[in-house]
Amino acid sequence: MKRAIARWQTWWLRLFLITILAMTALSVPWPLDYLAMTAPLALAVVRPPRSGKAPVELAAPVRGRWIAINAPGTAVPSHGVKAYGQAYAVDLLQPSADAPASIGWSWRTRAPESFACFGAPVLAMADGTVVRVTDSWRDHRSRDTWPPLIWMMTVEAFARELAGASAILGNHVIVRHDDDTYSVYAHLRRGSTKVRAGDRVSTGQQLAEVGNSGNTSEPHLHVQLMDHPIPTAAAGLPMLWPDVTADPADRNPRWSTGDPKPSALPGFPQNGQLFEATDPAQVR
């Protein structure tokens, strides 16, 4: 029952707004109007599911040199919230020689093709079966300076929240692994998916390409592990990439956020940390 309620927890805002519109159009006596407006808000206090599962060792979903941002190696929940099964999620992008050291105030936006990781292969982290593929969201221009970033985090984020998890994840693939865990690969390039629901995939197989779809400021890969195929009903699970090598001192100043918090996941790259991901088959 708790999992069923949690599945709908992200609908509370939508229900609240719909209720306000309905109460405006209809003549509803007190206290029914009060109860109708406050009932949807009760869903806001329902906590996302939690899991005590030990970290799962997987292959990294990329190859080469990457930067970890919003990483569980710095703090959990890594993205500030546990909703959508993203307690241990991480964002990955590649270093760019022309990237500014900090976020500026320009209104300038960039085409996604101008970023180093746009179009990079996204690989399956473990053997499994594809359970969901979404591939129709457009790749938008960047929101990597303060004016468009503020717009993205307020107006655009509000609209995407109302539209649901798919609008937040953008193009994405969900894979069910043999241990009954589920990996999510999000913000993929439109038209790049190479698998369909029901396909069997193996570790390291290409699923799609890195894109800039959904709730994202610039091209990157968002990846997470969950215990349920529906993000709104899932608990985030910790994962480790044992074949990744990283120097703790090798950090990108634009994305580094200081020392890890007590909640950090040991052994996982930290915010701003550069790491090298190699094919596990080549190092064993």
Protein backbone atom coordinates (compact mmCIF):
# COMPACT_ATOMS: atom_id res chain seq x y z
CA MET A 1 0.00 0.00 0.00
CA LYS A 2 2.80 2.41 0.87
CA ARG A 3 4.48 1.75 -2.48
CA ALA A 4 1.17 2.36 -4.28
CA ILE A 5 0.74 5.71 -2.53
CA ALA A 6 4.34 6.67 -3.22
CA ARG A 7 3.84 5.97 -6.91
CA TRP A 8 1.44 8.89 -7.04
CA GLN A 9 3.30 11.26 -4.73
CA THR A 10 4.57 13.44 -7.59
CA TRP A 11 1.00 14.01 -8.74
CA TRP A 12 0.09 16.08 -5.68
CA LEU A 13 0.90 19.41 -7.34
CA ARG A 14 -1.06 18.53 -10.44
CA LEU A 15 -4.06 17.47 -8.36
CA PHE A 16 -3.85 20.63 -6.29
CA LEU A 17 -3.88 22.91 -9.35
CA ILE A 18 -6.70 20.96 -10.98
CA THR A 19 -8.70 21.20 -7.75
CA ILE A 20 -8.24 24.97 -7.56
CA LEU A 21 -9.51 25.34 -11.12
CA ALA A 22 -12.47 23.10 -10.35
CA MET A 23 -13.33 24.99 -7.16
CA THR A 24 -13.20 28.26 -9.12
CA ALA A 25 -15.61 27.00 -11.75
CA LEU A 26 -17.98 25.16 -9.42
CA SER A 27 -19.97 26.31 -6.44
CA VAL A 28 -18.94 23.91 -3.70
CA PRO A 29 -20.13 24.46 -0.10
CA TRP A 30 -17.75 24.65 2.84
CA PRO A 31 -16.18 22.43 4.20
CA LEU A 32 -16.17 20.31 1.04
CA ASP A 33 -14.15 22.91 -0.84
CA TYR A 34 -11.57 23.00 1.98
CA LEU A 35 -11.28 19.21 2.06
CA ALA A 36 -11.06 18.98 -1.71
CA MET A 37 -8.20 21.48 -1.85
CA THR A 38 -6.19 20.08 1.07
CA ALA A 39 -6.52 16.38 0.25
CA PRO A 40 -4.10 16.50 -2.72
CA LEU A 41 -1.56 18.34 -0.56
CA ALA A 42 -1.50 15.39 1.83
CA LEU A 43 0.34 13.41 -0.84
CA ALA A 44 3.23 15.86 -0.56
CA VAL A 45 4.18 14.48 2.87
CA VAL A 46 4.37 10.88 1.63
CA ARG A 47 8.04 9.97 1.73
CA PRO A 48 9.66 8.33 -1.29
CA PRO A 49 10.41 4.62 -0.92
CA ARG A 50 13.69 3.65 0.72
CA SER A 51 15.92 0.62 0.33
CA GLY A 52 18.67 -0.86 2.48
CA LYS A 53 20.25 -2.80 -0.38
CA ALA A 54 24.06 -2.88 -0.42
CA PRO A 55 25.85 -1.11 -3.29
CA VAL A 56 25.62 -3.02 -6.57
CA GLU A 57 28.81 -3.33 -8.64
CA LEU A 58 28.22 -2.45 -12.29
CA ALA A 59 30.15 -1.47 -15.38
CA ALA A 60 30.26 2.27 -16.08
CA PRO A 61 27.75 3.43 -18.74
CA VAL A 62 30.43 5.38 -20.64
CA ARG A 63 34.00 4.93 -21.83
CA GLY A 64 36.88 7.39 -21.74
CA ARG A 65 37.43 10.51 -19.65
CA TRP A 66 34.37 12.02 -17.90
CA ILE A 67 33.37 14.34 -15.05
CA ALA A 68 30.93 13.34 -12.30
CA ILE A 69 28.45 15.97 -11.13
CA ASN A 70 25.52 15.73 -8.70
CA ALA A 71 27.26 12.55 -7.58
CA PRO A 72 26.49 10.29 -4.58
CA GLY A 73 30.24 10.30 -3.89
CA THR A 74 29.72 13.81 -2.49
CA ALA A 75 26.28 13.56 -0.85
CA VAL A 76 23.12 11.45 -0.75
CA PRO A 77 20.56 12.20 -2.03
CA SER A 78 22.85 13.28 -4.84
CA HIS A 79 20.26 15.49 -6.58
CA GLY A 80 18.82 16.92 -3.37
CA VAL A 81 15.69 14.76 -3.40
CA LYS A 82 14.85 11.05 -3.27
CA ALA A 83 11.83 11.29 -5.58
CA TYR A 84 11.87 9.51 -8.94
CA GLY A 85 14.25 6.87 -7.56
CA GLN A 86 17.24 9.20 -7.88
CA ALA A 87 18.73 9.13 -4.38
CA TYR A 88 22.02 7.75 -5.78
CA ALA A 89 21.80 9.15 -9.32
CA VAL A 90 24.78 10.75 -11.04
CA ASP A 91 25.23 13.09 -14.00
CA LEU A 92 28.16 12.57 -16.36
CA LEU A 93 29.69 14.95 -18.89
CA GLN A 94 32.99 15.28 -20.70
CA PRO A 95 35.47 18.10 -20.09
CA SER A 96 35.48 20.83 -22.70
CA ALA A 97 38.49 23.04 -23.40
CA ASP A 98 36.33 26.14 -23.99
CA ALA A 99 34.09 25.71 -20.94
CA PRO A 100 34.13 28.78 -18.63
CA ALA A 101 35.42 28.37 -15.07
CA SER A 102 32.07 29.48 -13.62
CA ILE A 103 28.46 30.11 -14.66
CA GLY A 104 28.10 33.57 -16.20
CA TRP A 105 25.21 35.99 -16.73
CA SER A 106 25.05 35.94 -20.50
CA TRP A 107 21.78 35.21 -22.33
CA ARG A 108 23.80 33.20 -24.84
CA THR A 109 22.74 29.61 -25.41
CA ARG A 110 24.58 26.94 -27.36
CA ALA A 111 23.49 24.21 -29.71
CA PRO A 112 23.81 20.75 -28.14
CA GLU A 113 26.15 19.67 -30.94
CA SER A 114 28.78 22.11 -29.63
CA PHE A 115 29.31 20.11 -26.43
CA ALA A 116 31.98 17.42 -26.24
CA CYS A 117 29.79 14.56 -25.00
CA PHE A 118 26.79 15.11 -27.28
CA GLY A 119 26.38 11.90 -29.29
CA ALA A 120 28.73 9.83 -27.12
CA PRO A 121 27.71 6.15 -26.75
CA VAL A 122 25.61 5.18 -23.71
CA LEU A 123 26.27 1.60 -22.63
CA ALA A 124 24.36 -0.96 -20.57
CA MET A 125 25.80 -1.29 -17.06
CA ALA A 126 24.78 -4.95 -16.74
CA ASP A 127 22.98 -7.74 -18.58
CA GLY A 128 19.22 -7.34 -18.63
CA THR A 129 15.99 -6.78 -20.51
CA VAL A 130 14.80 -3.41 -21.78
CA VAL A 131 11.46 -2.49 -20.21
CA ARG A 132 10.97 1.07 -21.46
CA VAL A 133 12.22 3.27 -24.31
CA THR A 134 11.26 6.91 -24.91
CA ASP A 135 12.86 8.57 -27.92
CA SER A 136 10.72 11.50 -29.14
CA TRP A 137 11.76 14.48 -26.99
CA ARG A 138 13.78 17.15 -28.79
CA ASP A 139 17.36 18.08 -27.87
CA HIS A 140 17.11 21.71 -26.76
CA ARG A 141 19.77 24.41 -26.59
CA SER A 142 21.84 24.88 -23.44
CA ARG A 143 20.73 26.60 -20.23
CA ASP A 144 24.28 26.89 -18.85
CA THR A 145 24.31 30.59 -17.90
CA TRP A 146 22.29 32.13 -15.08
CA PRO A 147 19.35 33.74 -17.01
CA PRO A 148 18.31 30.61 -18.96
CA LEU A 149 19.29 28.40 -16.01
CA ILE A 150 16.94 30.29 -13.67
CA TRP A 151 14.21 29.94 -16.30
CA MET A 152 14.87 26.20 -16.51
CA MET A 153 14.82 25.74 -12.73
CA THR A 154 11.55 27.68 -12.25
CA VAL A 155 9.11 28.02 -15.15
CA GLU A 156 10.40 25.13 -17.23
CA ALA A 157 10.85 22.80 -14.25
CA PHE A 158 7.30 23.60 -13.09
CA ALA A 159 5.91 22.70 -16.51
CA ARG A 160 7.91 19.48 -16.66
CA GLU A 161 6.78 18.51 -13.16
CA LEU A 162 3.17 18.90 -14.27
CA ALA A 163 3.85 16.84 -17.39
CA GLY A 164 5.34 13.94 -15.42
CA ALA A 165 8.53 11.91 -15.09
CA SER A 166 8.96 11.41 -18.83
CA ALA A 167 9.20 15.17 -19.40
CA ILE A 168 11.90 15.36 -16.71
CA LEU A 169 13.93 12.39 -17.94
CA GLY A 170 13.53 13.27 -21.60
CA ASN A 171 14.50 10.46 -23.94
CA HIS A 172 15.41 7.51 -21.75
CA VAL A 173 15.91 3.77 -21.52
CA ILE A 174 15.09 1.58 -18.51
CA VAL A 175 16.68 -1.87 -18.21
CA ARG A 176 15.70 -4.63 -15.79
CA HIS A 177 18.77 -6.54 -14.61
CA ASP A 178 18.91 -10.17 -13.63
CA ASP A 179 19.09 -9.27 -9.91
CA ASP A 180 15.72 -7.46 -10.23
CA THR A 181 17.23 -3.98 -10.16
CA TYR A 182 16.49 -1.35 -12.82
CA SER A 183 18.89 1.10 -14.42
CA VAL A 184 17.78 4.37 -16.00
CA TYR A 185 19.69 6.20 -18.74
CA ALA A 186 18.22 9.67 -19.27
CA HIS A 187 18.53 12.87 -21.36
CA LEU A 188 19.38 10.80 -24.44
CA ARG A 189 19.69 12.14 -27.97
CA ARG A 190 16.48 12.02 -29.94
CA GLY A 191 16.44 9.22 -32.49
CA SER A 192 19.58 7.59 -31.08
CA THR A 193 18.13 4.63 -29.18
CA LYS A 194 19.26 1.28 -30.55
CA VAL A 195 17.00 -0.97 -28.47
CA ARG A 196 13.30 -1.58 -27.99
CA ALA A 197 11.21 -2.75 -25.05
CA GLY A 198 11.64 -6.49 -24.68
CA ASP A 199 15.16 -6.60 -26.13
CA ARG A 200 17.80 -8.54 -24.24
CA VAL A 201 21.01 -6.53 -23.74
CA SER A 202 24.47 -7.43 -22.45
CA THR A 203 26.97 -5.47 -20.38
CA GLY A 204 28.66 -2.81 -22.49
CA GLN A 205 26.11 -2.95 -25.32
CA GLN A 206 25.24 0.46 -26.74
CA LEU A 207 21.74 1.59 -25.84
CA ALA A 208 21.71 5.12 -27.25
CA GLU A 209 23.72 8.36 -27.37
CA VAL A 210 24.16 11.21 -24.91
CA GLY A 211 21.72 14.04 -25.66
CA ASN A 212 20.14 17.13 -24.17
CA SER A 213 16.48 16.21 -23.77
CA GLY A 214 14.31 16.70 -20.70
CA ASN A 215 15.22 18.70 -17.61
CA THR A 216 18.86 19.43 -18.38
CA SER A 217 21.06 22.51 -18.66
CA GLU A 218 23.56 21.03 -21.13
CA PRO A 219 24.25 17.66 -22.77
CA HIS A 220 25.07 14.98 -20.23
CA LEU A 221 24.06 11.49 -19.18
CA HIS A 222 21.90 11.01 -16.09
CA VAL A 223 22.06 7.44 -14.78
CA GLN A 224 20.56 5.80 -11.70
CA LEU A 225 19.71 2.40 -10.24
CA MET A 226 16.25 1.63 -8.79
CA ASP A 227 14.27 -1.22 -7.26
CA HIS A 228 11.15 -0.70 -9.42
CA PRO A 229 10.54 -0.02 -13.13
CA ILE A 230 8.42 3.09 -12.49
CA PRO A 231 10.55 6.02 -11.22
CA THR A 232 7.71 7.56 -9.19
CA ALA A 233 7.31 4.28 -7.27
CA ALA A 234 11.00 3.40 -6.97
CA ALA A 235 13.64 3.62 -4.27
CA GLY A 236 17.07 4.65 -5.45
CA LEU A 237 19.81 2.04 -5.02
CA PRO A 238 23.55 2.65 -4.50
CA MET A 239 25.90 1.50 -7.26
CA LEU A 240 29.67 1.28 -7.68
CA TRP A 241 31.85 1.15 -10.79
CA PRO A 242 34.92 -0.90 -9.79
CA ASP A 243 36.56 -0.55 -13.22
CA VAL A 244 36.65 3.26 -13.04
CA THR A 245 39.97 4.89 -12.12
CA ALA A 246 40.14 8.39 -10.65
CA ASP A 247 42.69 10.64 -8.99
CA PRO A 248 41.05 12.42 -5.99
CA ALA A 249 43.12 15.53 -6.77
CA ASP A 250 42.06 15.66 -10.43
CA ARG A 251 39.00 17.92 -10.24
CA ASN A 252 37.25 20.34 -12.54
CA PRO A 253 36.79 23.64 -10.62
CA ARG A 254 33.52 24.46 -12.41
CA TRP A 255 31.79 21.39 -10.96
CA SER A 256 33.67 20.70 -7.72
CA THR A 257 31.66 21.42 -4.56
CA GLY A 258 34.16 20.74 -1.81
CA ASP A 259 34.63 17.86 0.58
CA PRO A 260 32.13 14.98 0.67
CA LYS A 261 29.31 15.08 3.21
CA PRO A 262 28.83 12.37 5.88
CA SER A 263 26.06 10.88 3.73
CA ALA A 264 28.41 10.35 0.75
CA LEU A 265 28.74 6.93 -0.87
CA PRO A 266 32.34 5.71 -0.35
CA GLY A 267 34.13 4.58 -3.48
CA PHE A 268 32.06 6.62 -5.94
CA PRO A 269 33.48 9.65 -7.85
CA GLN A 270 32.79 13.02 -6.24
CA ASN A 271 31.42 16.22 -7.73
CA GLY A 272 33.83 17.64 -10.27
CA GLN A 273 36.09 14.60 -10.15
CA LEU A 274 37.51 13.42 -13.46
CA PHE A 275 37.65 9.68 -14.00
CA GLU A 276 38.62 7.20 -16.69
CA ALA A 277 36.12 4.49 -17.60
CA THR A 278 37.49 1.46 -19.44
CA ASP A 279 35.88 -1.66 -20.85
CA PRO A 280 35.81 -4.23 -18.00
CA ALA A 281 36.64 -6.98 -20.50
CA GLN A 282 39.95 -5.24 -21.31
CA VAL A 283 41.19 -5.09 -17.73
CA ARG A 284 40.34 -8.61 -16.58
